[in-house]
Protein backbone atom coordinates (compact mmCIF):
# COMPACT_ATOMS: atom_id res chain seq x y z
CA UNK A 1 -0.01 0.20 -0.14
CA UNK A 2 1.84 3.34 -1.06
CA UNK A 3 1.58 6.07 1.40
CA UNK A 4 -0.05 9.51 0.08
CA UNK A 5 2.20 11.27 2.41
CA UNK A 6 5.30 9.87 0.93
CA UNK A 7 4.13 10.16 -2.39
CA UNK A 8 3.59 14.03 -1.86
CA UNK A 9 7.09 14.30 -0.62
CA UNK A 10 8.20 12.66 -3.88
CA UNK A 11 5.95 15.32 -5.69
CA UNK A 12 7.78 17.89 -3.72
CA UNK A 13 11.28 16.56 -4.79
CA UNK A 14 10.34 16.82 -8.47
CA UNK A 15 8.63 20.37 -8.51
CA UNK A 16 11.84 21.30 -6.63
CA UNK A 17 14.48 19.16 -7.88
CA UNK A 18 16.31 18.53 -5.15
CA UNK A 19 15.47 17.12 -1.43
CA UNK A 20 16.64 20.39 0.27
CA UNK A 21 14.11 22.25 -1.83
CA UNK A 22 11.36 19.64 -1.18
CA UNK A 23 11.99 19.96 2.74
CA UNK A 24 12.09 23.81 2.36
CA UNK A 25 8.47 23.66 0.83
CA UNK A 26 6.97 21.07 3.20
CA UNK A 27 8.44 22.77 6.03
CA UNK A 28 10.52 19.45 7.75
CA UNK A 29 14.38 18.59 7.82
CA UNK A 30 16.15 17.09 5.00
CA UNK A 31 16.54 14.10 6.91
CA UNK A 32 12.87 13.45 7.12
CA UNK A 33 12.70 14.01 3.50
CA UNK A 34 15.33 11.52 2.83
CA UNK A 35 13.53 8.91 5.42
CA UNK A 36 10.36 9.34 3.38
CA UNK A 37 11.93 8.80 0.07
CA UNK A 38 13.73 5.73 1.47
CA UNK A 39 10.59 4.03 2.53
CA UNK A 40 8.66 4.87 -0.40
CA UNK A 41 11.76 3.13 -2.64
CA UNK A 42 11.25 0.34 -0.48
CA UNK A 43 7.30 0.18 -0.95
CA UNK A 44 7.62 0.49 -4.52
CA UNK A 45 10.55 -2.01 -4.69
CA UNK A 46 12.65 0.24 -6.90
CA UNK A 47 14.87 3.21 -6.54
CA UNK A 48 13.32 6.72 -7.53
CA UNK A 49 16.53 8.75 -7.57
CA UNK A 50 19.84 8.64 -8.74
CA UNK A 51 22.67 10.78 -8.61
CA UNK A 52 23.03 13.37 -11.23
CA UNK A 53 26.64 15.43 -10.65
CA UNK A 54 26.37 17.23 -7.43
CA UNK A 55 22.45 16.83 -7.32
CA UNK A 56 19.79 14.11 -8.01
CA UNK A 57 17.40 13.52 -10.94
CA UNK A 58 14.32 11.33 -11.03
CA UNK A 59 14.23 7.50 -11.97
CA UNK A 60 12.15 6.32 -14.51
CA UNK A 61 9.53 5.03 -12.14
CA UNK A 62 9.57 7.82 -10.06
CA UNK A 63 8.49 9.99 -13.44
CA UNK A 64 5.79 7.48 -13.53
CA UNK A 65 4.43 7.70 -9.93
CA UNK A 66 5.04 11.40 -9.97
CA UNK A 67 2.47 11.55 -12.57
CA UNK A 68 0.06 9.28 -10.70
CA UNK A 69 0.82 11.45 -7.76
CA UNK A 70 -0.53 14.61 -9.26
CA UNK A 71 -3.80 12.97 -10.03
CA UNK A 72 -3.99 11.46 -6.66
CA UNK A 73 -3.52 14.65 -4.61
CA UNK A 74 -6.27 16.14 -6.55
CA UNK A 75 -8.46 13.49 -5.56
CA UNK A 76 -7.63 14.00 -2.20
CA UNK A 77 -8.25 17.36 -2.37
CA UNK A 78 -11.67 16.94 -4.02
CA UNK A 79 -12.46 14.30 -0.82
CA UNK A 80 -11.24 17.05 1.88
CA UNK A 81 -13.89 19.86 0.13
CA UNK A 82 -16.73 17.30 -0.26
CA UNK A 83 -16.42 16.47 3.22
CA UNK A 84 -15.98 20.12 4.43
CA UNK A 85 -19.08 20.98 2.19
CA UNK A 86 -20.88 18.35 3.96
CA UNK A 87 -20.68 19.35 7.04
CA UNK A 88 -20.98 22.97 5.83
CA UNK A 89 -18.32 24.30 8.54
CA UNK A 90 -15.91 27.06 7.84
CA UNK A 91 -12.67 25.00 9.77
CA UNK A 92 -9.32 23.73 9.36
CA UNK A 93 -6.05 25.24 7.95
CA UNK A 94 -6.26 27.49 4.78
CA UNK A 95 -3.23 28.72 3.52
CA UNK A 96 -3.65 32.06 1.36
CA UNK A 97 -0.61 33.09 -0.71
CA UNK A 98 -0.57 37.03 -1.81
CA UNK A 99 1.63 39.49 -3.58
CA UNK A 100 3.07 41.80 -1.42
CA UNK A 101 0.95 44.82 -2.14
CA UNK A 102 -2.08 43.07 -1.28
CA UNK A 103 -0.47 41.24 1.88
CA UNK A 104 -0.23 45.07 2.93
CA UNK A 105 -3.24 46.57 1.78
CA UNK A 106 -5.82 44.01 1.70
CA UNK A 107 -5.41 41.00 3.19
CA UNK A 108 -5.02 42.01 7.03
CA UNK A 109 -9.11 43.31 6.55
CA UNK A 110 -9.78 39.76 5.47
CA UNK A 111 -7.99 37.63 8.14
CA UNK A 112 -9.20 40.20 10.72
CA UNK A 113 -13.05 39.36 9.30
CA UNK A 114 -12.51 35.59 8.94
CA UNK A 115 -11.14 35.65 12.61
CA UNK A 116 -14.09 37.29 14.15
CA UNK A 117 -16.30 35.31 12.02
CA UNK A 118 -15.10 31.76 11.74
CA UNK A 119 -12.90 31.44 14.54
CA UNK A 120 -12.45 27.43 13.91
CA UNK A 121 -10.62 28.53 10.63
CA UNK A 122 -6.96 29.07 10.83
CA UNK A 123 -5.26 31.20 8.11
CA UNK A 124 -2.21 31.19 7.26
CA UNK A 125 -0.60 34.22 5.09
CA UNK A 126 2.51 33.48 2.78
CA UNK A 127 3.83 36.16 1.02
CA UNK A 128 4.75 35.39 -2.47
CA UNK A 129 4.84 36.40 -5.95
CA UNK A 130 2.78 34.97 -8.85
CA UNK A 131 6.51 32.93 -9.98
CA UNK A 132 6.28 30.94 -6.89
CA UNK A 133 2.14 31.27 -5.76
CA UNK A 134 0.88 30.01 -9.22
CA UNK A 135 2.94 26.65 -8.61
CA UNK A 136 1.95 26.16 -5.19
CA UNK A 137 -1.54 26.67 -5.80
CA UNK A 138 -1.30 23.89 -8.53
CA UNK A 139 0.64 21.57 -6.22
CA UNK A 140 -1.62 21.88 -3.38
CA UNK A 141 1.02 23.76 -1.28
CA UNK A 142 -1.20 27.08 -0.90
CA UNK A 143 -4.97 26.71 -1.21
CA UNK A 144 -5.80 29.83 -2.68
CA UNK A 145 -3.30 33.39 -3.96
CA UNK A 146 -3.99 36.55 -4.23
CA UNK A 147 -2.44 37.77 -7.75
CA UNK A 148 -2.28 40.69 -10.07
CA UNK A 149 -1.93 41.03 -13.98
CA UNK A 150 -1.78 44.24 -15.63
CA UNK A 151 -4.11 45.71 -18.51
CA UNK A 152 -2.56 44.14 -21.79
CA UNK A 153 -0.41 41.46 -19.73
CA UNK A 154 -2.93 38.71 -18.68
CA UNK A 155 -1.18 36.21 -16.21
CA UNK A 156 -1.45 32.84 -17.54
CA UNK A 157 -2.95 30.17 -14.82
CA UNK A 158 -2.63 26.29 -15.38
CA UNK A 159 -5.77 24.44 -16.30
CA UNK A 160 -8.26 23.58 -13.55
CA UNK A 161 -8.22 27.22 -11.86
CA UNK A 162 -11.19 29.22 -10.46
CA UNK A 163 -10.57 32.80 -9.92
CA UNK A 164 -12.50 35.98 -8.94
CA UNK A 165 -11.66 39.74 -9.34
CA UNK A 166 -11.29 41.95 -6.18
CA UNK A 167 -10.48 45.42 -7.31
CA UNK A 168 -8.59 47.44 -9.75
CA UNK A 169 -5.23 48.94 -8.43
CA UNK A 170 -4.03 52.01 -10.06
CA UNK A 171 -0.95 53.00 -10.47
CA UNK A 172 0.69 56.44 -10.34
CA UNK A 173 4.08 57.97 -11.57
CA UNK A 174 6.61 58.75 -8.79
CA UNK A 175 8.68 61.66 -9.68
CA UNK A 176 11.77 64.07 -7.81
CA UNK A 177 9.96 66.93 -6.86
CA UNK A 178 12.42 68.93 -8.59
CA UNK A 179 11.39 67.27 -11.99
CA UNK A 180 9.59 69.75 -14.59
CA UNK A 181 6.96 67.06 -14.62
CA UNK A 182 6.20 66.61 -10.96
CA UNK A 183 4.02 69.60 -10.42
CA UNK A 184 1.68 68.50 -13.40
CA UNK A 185 -1.50 67.03 -12.18
CA UNK A 186 -1.22 64.56 -15.71
CA UNK A 187 1.03 63.57 -17.69
CA UNK A 188 0.56 61.56 -21.03
CA UNK A 189 2.38 57.99 -21.47
CA UNK A 190 4.22 59.30 -24.44
CA UNK A 191 5.82 62.14 -22.48
CA UNK A 192 7.84 59.51 -20.05
CA UNK A 193 8.72 56.72 -21.57
CA UNK A 194 12.37 57.83 -21.87
CA UNK A 195 12.85 58.85 -17.94
CA UNK A 196 15.36 56.69 -16.20
CA UNK A 197 13.40 54.00 -14.37
CA UNK A 198 13.60 52.69 -11.18
CA UNK A 199 11.83 48.98 -12.13
CA UNK A 200 11.11 46.01 -10.84
CA UNK A 201 13.54 42.87 -11.49
CA UNK A 202 13.29 41.20 -15.03
CA UNK A 203 11.65 37.96 -14.90
CA UNK A 204 8.33 38.90 -12.87
CA UNK A 205 5.13 40.07 -14.25
CA UNK A 206 5.55 43.64 -13.03
CA UNK A 207 8.74 43.83 -14.29
CA UNK A 208 8.18 42.35 -17.63
CA UNK A 209 4.95 44.58 -17.70
CA UNK A 210 6.96 47.50 -17.61
CA UNK A 211 9.30 46.58 -20.29
CA UNK A 212 6.52 45.78 -22.74
CA UNK A 213 4.83 49.01 -22.08
CA UNK A 214 7.75 51.14 -22.64
CA UNK A 215 8.69 49.42 -25.75
CA UNK A 216 5.53 49.55 -27.21
CA UNK A 217 5.45 53.22 -27.17
CA UNK A 218 8.54 52.82 -29.77
CA UNK A 219 11.32 53.52 -26.96
CA UNK A 220 14.08 51.34 -25.21
CA UNK A 221 13.30 51.09 -21.53
CA UNK A 222 16.32 52.89 -19.80
CA UNK A 223 16.46 51.07 -16.43
CA UNK A 224 18.93 52.51 -14.10
CA UNK A 225 18.02 50.73 -10.98
CA UNK A 226 15.68 47.96 -9.57
CA UNK A 227 14.18 47.08 -6.71
CA UNK A 228 11.25 44.98 -5.29
CA UNK A 229 10.11 46.88 -2.13
CA UNK A 230 7.70 50.13 -2.85
CA UNK A 231 9.99 51.91 -0.31
CA UNK A 232 13.09 51.34 -1.54
CA UNK A 233 11.81 52.99 -5.08
CA UNK A 234 10.67 55.76 -3.19
CA UNK A 235 13.81 56.36 -1.46
CA UNK A 236 15.75 56.47 -5.00
CA UNK A 237 13.11 58.77 -6.40
CA UNK A 238 13.15 60.93 -3.25
CA UNK A 239 17.06 60.99 -4.16
CA UNK A 240 16.51 62.40 -7.78
CA UNK A 241 17.67 58.97 -9.21
CA UNK A 242 15.05 58.22 -11.24
CA UNK A 243 11.16 57.75 -11.84
CA UNK A 244 8.93 54.43 -10.65
CA UNK A 245 5.69 53.19 -11.43
CA UNK A 246 3.96 52.85 -8.26
CA UNK A 247 0.81 50.93 -7.46
CA UNK A 248 -1.71 52.47 -5.01
CA UNK A 249 -2.55 49.29 -3.27
CA UNK A 250 -0.17 48.87 -0.23
CA UNK A 251 2.05 51.71 -1.04
CA UNK A 252 2.26 53.37 2.42
CA UNK A 253 3.82 56.75 3.33
CA UNK A 254 5.33 58.90 0.58
CA UNK A 255 8.45 60.41 1.39
CA UNK A 256 9.39 64.13 1.16
CA UNK A 257 11.12 65.13 -2.40
CA UNK A 258 8.56 62.75 -4.11
CA UNK A 259 5.59 63.85 -6.12
CA UNK A 260 2.93 61.45 -7.35
CA UNK A 261 1.26 62.10 -11.06
CA UNK A 262 -1.04 60.18 -12.42
CA UNK A 263 -0.63 59.00 -15.96
CA UNK A 264 -3.01 58.80 -19.27
CA UNK A 265 -3.85 56.51 -20.00
CA UNK A 266 -4.05 55.29 -16.69
CA UNK A 267 -1.69 52.44 -15.77
CA UNK A 268 -4.11 49.73 -13.91
CA UNK A 269 -3.40 46.16 -12.60
CA UNK A 270 -6.43 43.75 -11.95
CA UNK A 271 -6.24 42.12 -8.50
CA UNK A 272 -7.83 38.68 -8.14
CA UNK A 273 -7.73 35.30 -5.95
CA UNK A 274 -7.44 32.08 -7.44
CA UNK A 275 -7.90 28.57 -6.31
CA UNK A 276 -8.22 24.96 -7.58
CA UNK A 277 -11.25 23.98 -9.21
CA UNK A 278 -10.93 20.62 -7.07
CA UNK A 279 -11.35 22.30 -3.67
CA UNK A 280 -13.81 24.96 -4.76
CA UNK A 281 -16.41 23.27 -2.63
CA UNK A 282 -14.72 23.67 0.52
CA UNK A 283 -16.62 26.37 2.70
CA UNK A 284 -13.43 27.84 3.91
CA UNK A 285 -12.51 28.82 0.52
CA UNK A 286 -16.11 30.36 -0.18
CA UNK A 287 -15.51 32.10 3.14
CA UNK A 288 -12.07 33.77 2.35
CA UNK A 289 -13.41 34.88 -1.13
CA UNK A 290 -16.18 36.71 0.52
CA UNK A 291 -13.97 38.12 2.87
CA UNK A 292 -10.91 39.41 0.48
CA UNK A 293 -13.86 41.24 -1.63
CA UNK A 294 -15.58 42.87 1.36
CA UNK A 295 -11.86 44.09 2.31
CA UNK A 296 -11.58 45.33 -1.17
CA UNK A 297 -14.59 47.32 -0.51
CA UNK A 298 -13.64 48.63 2.98
CA UNK A 299 -12.96 52.60 3.05
CA UNK A 300 -9.35 51.92 3.56
CA UNK A 301 -8.30 49.49 0.82
CA UNK A 302 -10.74 51.52 -1.63
CA UNK A 303 -8.67 54.60 -1.49
CA UNK A 304 -5.94 52.55 -3.11
CA UNK A 305 -8.16 52.69 -6.35
CA UNK A 306 -9.37 56.19 -5.91
CA UNK A 307 -6.46 58.18 -4.19
CA UNK A 308 -4.15 60.35 -6.76
């Protein structure tokens, strides 16, 4: 009889490419992963990993088992969802991944509401970018994820996902207060594409969107600095080192020396939450979606969509 828990360990090894990565994902020790893998190899009667230089790779037997494991874990999620739906109780543990801006400006309101309305539900927030949260939900390591996509640059989701929109998040242009455009109420996009930019790193959804947006205006992006955090970007702008696109959701205080200017056409991100369709019947999923949508209409969160 194969152990689902041990198959989950093999699935994590396949997804991460190493025992260490699997241990980090499952939040256990390397030794625990090795022990579970050894027991699974004894159960199947075949080796499941082999040396590959300094690392490891899956054997053909492991590849076959991993393919079945994905289907089995999907069935397990469906069974858990059906059981929760049967008793119609918002209980248990739910892991919610979220981009940083929503984790600051949106999710806390939802967590407070869930704690008050559903005290038997434990929600764990994990701050993750879409590159990490999308595969995490697909594997079942996270139950839901809050992500964004920019207008004209939709974020691809794996098959078998359901999603619901939460809000629109408008972005402004952050300029040094001494810049000639800083005291304008509104600037056209073609007026700013040649500015020196403080961008998100390449490879992520936001960094790729900025490059594409500028390129579509016929200019080559002039990236002078890269930073993930809003406050880091704002500090660089305040020092006169460039301009930055600053979404309003979760932006935080704007330092002295920075002026925010609206752009026409508006720079808009769609904020939404998604989850595995296999788990859609879980009352905890429905309750969390409601709480997030209510939080998006909260006056404190709603200012993200209207405040200049």
